[in-house]
Amino acid sequence: MDIEALRAFQTIASCGSFSKAATKIYITQPALSKKVKKIEQELNSRLFIRKPKGVELTEKGEKLLKITHLILSEITYLKEDIQKDDAGLVGNITFGCPTVVIHYFLPSFLPSFNKKYPDIFLQIKEAESPEIISGILDEHINCGIVVGPIKNQEMEYHCLTSCPLVCIALKGKIISSNKFLTLAQICGYPFIAYDEVIKHQALINAAFNKSKVFPKTIIRAKSTNTILEIVKMGMGVAIVPEYILNKHINRDLFAKYRVKDLDLQAEFGLIIKKANLKNKLFESFYNFVLESYSSHLIPPRRTTRNSPCKSHGKPD
């Protein structure tokens, strides 16, 4: 029987609702219903009774839930026992990260991790933050870096760095003014935006809506790298995280402008399922990344889990 389907069934039973369970594990309700239907077909039994406000387990569903708890617990213990036997930390880790992380974040820890743990195989899963979060909850992904903040009781999230969002344009093109702009002034230029699903864009949209001004969006893109390439063509202006701009190989081509009525911070954080911290392999990787970022991105200080992002100094 599919372990993922059992986890989904367990979540629905815990939430008492398909919609709440779908939100909790970051999948669509039809996809969740499909998982349950698969189990019901295999067992030839109905597991839930639909009520006006949620669902209720059938008698067969109650029996399966008890067995599911045992199965999933045994799988967790099995993983722990295997890791205890692997004193040299040998194993596989799937690490999720958006495209921007690959270019600007991985160099801070990946080479040193590989040198210290040569017998650990690290698979990089390139995806956007919602897919990474869903993958970690479903255990397709063991750990990842996402756009934060993230609040989920099943997840351990640690803010690694935060930085202002700044307006940029190609030097000598589009904008001919000082280093400060207002949102209203930005609306006078062609605007290159993120896709609506990107968290940065939600923050930017909220700021424009609050000021009751709206940019003339001509292009949308999923990644900051793509946006920078379009701005480099002289096609318009954009609002991007300053940290990524400072790391870009062609950063000197861009003019950077502070936005007077835009006080927004882009946040990036390390995320893992709390249950995975009981696994020696995953916990070691998680702590290694935290320690690497503490020395590489911000002034040396003791790192504590779930501490909020405060003043981290300027990225190098």
Protein backbone atom coordinates (compact mmCIF):
# COMPACT_ATOMS: atom_id res chain seq x y z
CA MET A 1 0.00 0.00 0.00
CA ASP A 2 1.20 3.53 -0.84
CA ILE A 3 2.86 5.15 2.22
CA GLU A 4 2.06 8.63 0.93
CA ALA A 5 -1.61 7.72 0.66
CA LEU A 6 -1.56 6.46 4.26
CA ARG A 7 0.01 9.72 5.42
CA ALA A 8 -2.70 11.63 3.57
CA PHE A 9 -5.39 9.44 5.16
CA GLN A 10 -3.87 10.05 8.60
CA THR A 11 -3.88 13.83 8.03
CA ILE A 12 -7.54 13.87 6.96
CA ALA A 13 -8.50 11.86 10.05
CA SER A 14 -6.56 14.30 12.23
CA CYS A 15 -8.08 17.42 10.60
CA GLY A 16 -11.59 16.02 10.22
CA SER A 17 -11.79 17.69 6.82
CA PHE A 18 -10.49 17.09 3.30
CA SER A 19 -10.07 20.82 2.64
CA LYS A 20 -8.14 21.47 5.88
CA ALA A 21 -5.93 18.44 5.26
CA ALA A 22 -5.21 19.55 1.69
CA THR A 23 -4.16 22.99 2.94
CA LYS A 24 -1.99 21.47 5.64
CA ILE A 25 0.00 19.23 3.30
CA TYR A 26 0.03 21.68 0.39
CA ILE A 27 -1.81 19.64 -2.24
CA THR A 28 -5.11 20.14 -4.01
CA GLN A 29 -8.29 18.65 -2.61
CA PRO A 30 -8.94 16.53 -5.76
CA ALA A 31 -5.43 15.06 -5.46
CA LEU A 32 -6.07 14.25 -1.80
CA SER A 33 -9.41 12.63 -2.62
CA LYS A 34 -7.68 10.52 -5.26
CA LYS A 35 -5.23 9.16 -2.67
CA VAL A 36 -8.05 8.14 -0.36
CA LYS A 37 -10.05 6.60 -3.19
CA LYS A 38 -7.02 4.47 -4.07
CA ILE A 39 -6.90 3.06 -0.53
CA GLU A 40 -10.66 2.44 -0.50
CA GLN A 41 -10.41 0.55 -3.79
CA GLU A 42 -7.57 -1.61 -2.47
CA LEU A 43 -9.46 -2.44 0.74
CA ASN A 44 -12.90 -2.48 -0.90
CA SER A 45 -14.10 -0.43 2.07
CA ARG A 46 -15.39 3.07 2.68
CA LEU A 47 -13.14 5.03 5.06
CA PHE A 48 -14.99 8.32 5.61
CA ILE A 49 -18.56 9.50 6.02
CA ARG A 50 -19.11 13.02 4.74
CA LYS A 51 -20.87 15.37 7.15
CA PRO A 52 -22.14 18.97 6.68
CA LYS A 53 -19.01 20.22 8.44
CA GLY A 54 -16.21 17.83 7.57
CA VAL A 55 -15.83 14.05 7.58
CA GLU A 56 -16.01 11.21 10.08
CA LEU A 57 -14.21 7.86 10.06
CA THR A 58 -16.20 4.71 9.39
CA GLU A 59 -15.63 1.62 11.53
CA LYS A 60 -13.20 0.31 8.90
CA GLY A 61 -11.57 3.72 8.81
CA GLU A 62 -10.99 3.62 12.59
CA LYS A 63 -9.29 0.23 12.26
CA LEU A 64 -7.09 1.43 9.41
CA LEU A 65 -6.11 4.56 11.35
CA LYS A 66 -4.77 2.47 14.25
CA ILE A 67 -2.77 0.31 11.85
CA THR A 68 -1.54 3.40 9.97
CA HIS A 69 -0.17 4.92 13.18
CA LEU A 70 1.77 1.70 13.81
CA ILE A 71 3.07 1.43 10.23
CA LEU A 72 4.31 5.02 10.05
CA SER A 73 5.86 4.80 13.51
CA GLU A 74 7.73 1.63 12.52
CA ILE A 75 9.02 3.32 9.37
CA THR A 76 10.34 6.22 11.45
CA TYR A 77 12.05 3.85 13.92
CA LEU A 78 13.52 1.84 11.04
CA LYS A 79 15.07 4.97 9.54
CA GLU A 80 16.51 5.94 12.93
CA ASP A 81 18.01 2.46 13.49
CA ILE A 82 19.64 2.49 10.06
CA GLN A 83 21.17 5.89 10.74
CA LYS A 84 22.47 4.79 14.16
CA ASP A 85 24.32 1.95 12.46
CA ASP A 86 25.85 4.42 9.96
CA ALA A 87 28.38 6.17 12.20
CA GLY A 88 30.17 7.47 9.11
CA LEU A 89 27.00 9.16 7.82
CA VAL A 90 26.46 7.32 4.57
CA GLY A 91 23.21 7.95 2.77
CA ASN A 92 21.13 10.03 0.37
CA ILE A 93 19.69 13.49 0.96
CA THR A 94 17.25 15.26 -1.34
CA PHE A 95 17.63 19.01 -0.97
CA GLY A 96 15.01 21.35 -2.41
CA CYS A 97 15.81 24.86 -3.54
CA PRO A 98 14.50 27.55 -5.89
CA THR A 99 16.67 28.48 -8.88
CA VAL A 100 18.00 31.55 -7.09
CA VAL A 101 19.36 29.37 -4.27
CA ILE A 102 21.41 27.30 -6.71
CA HIS A 103 23.28 30.35 -7.97
CA TYR A 104 23.64 32.41 -4.81
CA PHE A 105 23.23 30.17 -1.75
CA LEU A 106 24.68 26.73 -2.49
CA PRO A 107 28.31 27.95 -2.78
CA SER A 108 28.26 28.94 0.89
CA PHE A 109 27.98 25.35 2.13
CA LEU A 110 27.94 22.74 -0.64
CA PRO A 111 31.69 22.37 -1.34
CA SER A 112 32.59 22.20 2.36
CA PHE A 113 29.78 19.72 3.07
CA ASN A 114 30.91 17.43 0.27
CA LYS A 115 34.48 17.59 1.58
CA LYS A 116 33.45 16.71 5.14
CA TYR A 117 30.92 14.01 4.17
CA PRO A 118 32.14 12.45 0.90
CA ASP A 119 29.94 9.36 1.33
CA ILE A 120 26.68 11.31 1.40
CA PHE A 121 24.95 11.60 -1.96
CA LEU A 122 23.14 14.93 -2.26
CA GLN A 123 20.39 15.25 -4.86
CA ILE A 124 19.36 18.82 -5.71
CA LYS A 125 15.64 19.22 -6.39
CA GLU A 126 15.05 22.53 -8.18
CA ALA A 127 11.53 23.83 -7.48
CA GLU A 128 9.57 26.80 -6.21
CA SER A 129 8.92 27.20 -2.48
CA PRO A 130 5.34 25.77 -2.37
CA GLU A 131 6.47 22.60 -4.15
CA ILE A 132 9.44 22.25 -1.80
CA ILE A 133 7.21 22.59 1.27
CA SER A 134 4.79 20.01 -0.11
CA GLY A 135 7.68 17.68 -0.98
CA ILE A 136 9.11 17.89 2.54
CA LEU A 137 5.74 17.15 4.12
CA ASP A 138 5.28 14.19 1.75
CA GLU A 139 8.92 13.15 2.37
CA HIS A 140 9.98 13.35 -1.29
CA ILE A 141 12.38 16.08 -0.14
CA ASN A 142 14.34 15.91 3.11
CA CYS A 143 15.31 19.54 3.61
CA GLY A 144 15.30 22.78 1.65
CA ILE A 145 15.71 26.53 1.41
CA VAL A 146 12.55 28.51 0.69
CA VAL A 147 11.22 32.03 0.57
CA GLY A 148 9.89 32.65 4.07
CA PRO A 149 8.59 33.06 6.60
CA ILE A 150 6.92 29.65 6.98
CA LYS A 151 4.55 28.76 9.81
CA ASN A 152 3.59 25.10 9.99
CA GLN A 153 3.45 22.98 13.15
CA GLU A 154 5.06 20.03 11.37
CA MET A 155 7.98 22.09 10.06
CA GLU A 156 11.16 23.48 11.58
CA TYR A 157 11.97 26.80 9.90
CA HIS A 158 15.03 28.97 10.48
CA CYS A 159 15.50 32.35 8.82
CA LEU A 160 18.95 32.43 7.21
CA THR A 161 19.02 35.94 5.81
CA SER A 162 16.78 38.83 4.93
CA CYS A 163 17.34 41.89 2.80
CA PRO A 164 15.46 44.90 1.42
CA LEU A 165 13.62 44.86 -1.87
CA VAL A 166 15.04 47.55 -4.17
CA CYS A 167 14.06 48.99 -7.54
CA ILE A 168 16.53 48.46 -10.41
CA ALA A 169 16.97 49.60 -13.99
CA LEU A 170 19.72 49.38 -16.59
CA LYS A 171 22.28 52.12 -15.91
CA GLY A 172 21.80 55.14 -18.14
CA LYS A 173 18.43 53.86 -19.40
CA ILE A 174 14.78 54.22 -18.40
CA ILE A 175 15.30 56.23 -15.18
CA SER A 176 17.18 59.52 -14.97
CA SER A 177 16.87 60.59 -11.35
CA ASN A 178 18.48 60.30 -7.95
CA LYS A 179 18.77 57.15 -5.83
CA PHE A 180 15.28 57.45 -4.35
CA LEU A 181 11.92 56.76 -6.00
CA THR A 182 8.30 56.51 -4.91
CA LEU A 183 5.92 53.75 -5.93
CA ALA A 184 3.99 56.33 -7.93
CA GLN A 185 7.14 57.20 -9.90
CA ILE A 186 7.83 53.52 -10.59
CA CYS A 187 4.34 53.26 -12.10
CA GLY A 188 5.50 55.65 -14.82
CA TYR A 189 7.90 53.06 -16.27
CA PRO A 190 7.40 49.62 -17.89
CA PHE A 191 7.45 47.12 -15.01
CA ILE A 192 8.91 43.59 -14.99
CA ALA A 193 7.22 41.53 -12.27
CA TYR A 194 7.39 38.08 -10.71
CA ASP A 195 4.70 35.51 -11.40
CA GLU A 196 1.78 35.98 -9.03
CA VAL A 197 2.62 32.75 -7.18
CA ILE A 198 6.02 34.10 -6.07
CA LYS A 199 5.98 35.39 -2.50
CA HIS A 200 8.05 38.49 -3.30
CA GLN A 201 5.37 39.62 -5.74
CA ALA A 202 2.63 39.27 -3.13
CA LEU A 203 4.56 41.71 -0.90
CA ILE A 204 5.12 44.10 -3.79
CA ASN A 205 1.46 43.96 -4.84
CA ALA A 206 0.34 44.71 -1.29
CA ALA A 207 2.56 47.81 -1.20
CA PHE A 208 1.20 49.10 -4.51
CA ASN A 209 -2.39 48.43 -3.43
CA LYS A 210 -1.84 50.24 -0.13
CA SER A 211 -0.56 53.28 -2.00
CA LYS A 212 -3.42 52.94 -4.53
CA VAL A 213 -1.05 53.03 -7.49
CA PHE A 214 -0.54 50.27 -10.04
CA PRO A 215 2.50 49.55 -12.25
CA LYS A 216 2.35 48.99 -16.00
CA THR A 217 3.42 45.34 -15.96
CA ILE A 218 4.74 44.21 -19.35
CA ILE A 219 6.39 40.88 -18.47
CA ARG A 220 6.22 38.34 -15.64
CA ALA A 221 8.92 35.81 -14.75
CA LYS A 222 9.42 33.13 -12.09
CA SER A 223 13.01 33.85 -11.08
CA THR A 224 15.08 36.88 -10.14
CA ASN A 225 17.73 35.75 -12.63
CA THR A 226 15.24 36.00 -15.49
CA ILE A 227 14.03 39.39 -14.31
CA LEU A 228 17.61 40.69 -14.14
CA GLU A 229 18.25 39.50 -17.70
CA ILE A 230 15.15 41.33 -18.95
CA VAL A 231 16.09 44.52 -17.10
CA LYS A 232 19.58 44.20 -18.57
CA MET A 233 17.96 44.47 -22.02
CA GLY A 234 16.72 47.92 -21.05
CA MET A 235 13.06 46.91 -21.24
CA GLY A 236 11.91 48.34 -17.92
CA VAL A 237 12.30 48.46 -14.16
CA ALA A 238 11.84 45.78 -11.49
CA ILE A 239 11.80 45.31 -7.73
CA VAL A 240 14.14 42.54 -6.53
CA PRO A 241 15.90 41.36 -3.34
CA GLU A 242 19.06 43.43 -2.82
CA TYR A 243 21.03 40.39 -1.68
CA ILE A 244 20.59 38.63 -5.01
CA LEU A 245 21.39 41.79 -6.95
CA ASN A 246 24.64 42.23 -4.98
CA LYS A 247 25.63 38.64 -5.82
CA HIS A 248 24.89 38.89 -9.54
CA ILE A 249 27.87 38.68 -11.88
CA ASN A 250 26.60 41.72 -13.86
CA ARG A 251 25.55 43.79 -10.84
CA ASP A 252 27.55 46.82 -12.06
CA LEU A 253 25.24 47.12 -15.07
CA PHE A 254 22.27 48.01 -12.88
CA ALA A 255 21.27 51.26 -11.22
CA LYS A 256 19.76 50.64 -7.78
CA TYR A 257 17.06 52.83 -6.25
CA ARG A 258 15.61 52.88 -2.76
CA VAL A 259 11.85 53.18 -2.73
CA LYS A 260 10.65 55.75 -0.21
CA ASP A 261 7.31 54.12 0.57
CA LEU A 262 8.49 50.51 0.24
CA ASP A 263 9.92 49.03 3.44
CA LEU A 264 9.79 45.34 2.56
CA GLN A 265 12.18 42.55 3.43
CA ALA A 266 12.80 39.46 1.33
CA GLU A 267 13.44 36.47 3.59
CA PHE A 268 15.10 33.13 2.87
CA GLY A 269 15.09 30.27 5.35
CA LEU A 270 16.06 26.64 5.92
CA ILE A 271 13.15 24.24 6.37
CA ILE A 272 12.81 20.62 7.43
CA LYS A 273 10.08 18.37 8.77
CA LYS A 274 10.44 18.15 12.56
CA ALA A 275 10.27 14.36 12.41
CA ASN A 276 13.36 14.37 10.15
CA LEU A 277 15.42 15.98 12.91
CA LYS A 278 15.29 12.60 14.69
CA ASN A 279 17.22 11.17 11.75
CA LYS A 280 20.95 11.54 12.32
CA LEU A 281 21.74 11.99 8.63
CA PHE A 282 19.18 14.74 8.03
CA GLU A 283 19.85 16.46 11.35
CA SER A 284 23.59 16.60 10.62
CA PHE A 285 22.97 18.16 7.22
CA TYR A 286 20.47 20.66 8.65
CA ASN A 287 22.86 21.77 11.39
CA PHE A 288 25.79 21.95 8.95
CA VAL A 289 23.87 24.35 6.70
CA LEU A 290 22.84 26.48 9.69
CA GLU A 291 26.42 26.74 10.92
CA SER A 292 27.68 27.56 7.42
CA TYR A 293 25.21 30.39 7.02
CA SER A 294 25.91 31.76 10.49
CA SER A 295 29.53 32.38 9.49
CA HIS A 296 29.06 33.11 5.78
CA LEU A 297 26.07 35.45 5.61
CA ILE A 298 25.81 37.22 8.92
CA PRO A 299 28.14 38.40 11.76
CA PRO A 300 29.23 35.44 13.95
CA ARG A 301 26.65 34.70 16.64
CA ARG A 302 25.06 31.71 18.26
CA THR A 303 22.37 30.23 16.03
CA THR A 304 19.03 29.21 17.56
CA ARG A 305 16.25 27.47 15.73
CA ASN A 306 13.17 29.46 14.80
CA SER A 307 14.82 32.75 15.75
CA PRO A 308 13.37 35.66 13.77
CA CYS A 309 15.43 37.43 11.14
CA LYS A 310 16.80 40.62 12.62
CA SER A 311 19.72 42.73 11.56
CA HIS A 312 22.06 40.37 9.74
CA GLY A 313 24.45 42.95 8.40
CA LYS A 314 25.22 43.44 4.74
CA PRO A 315 25.71 40.29 2.67
CA ASP A 316 29.21 39.89 1.33
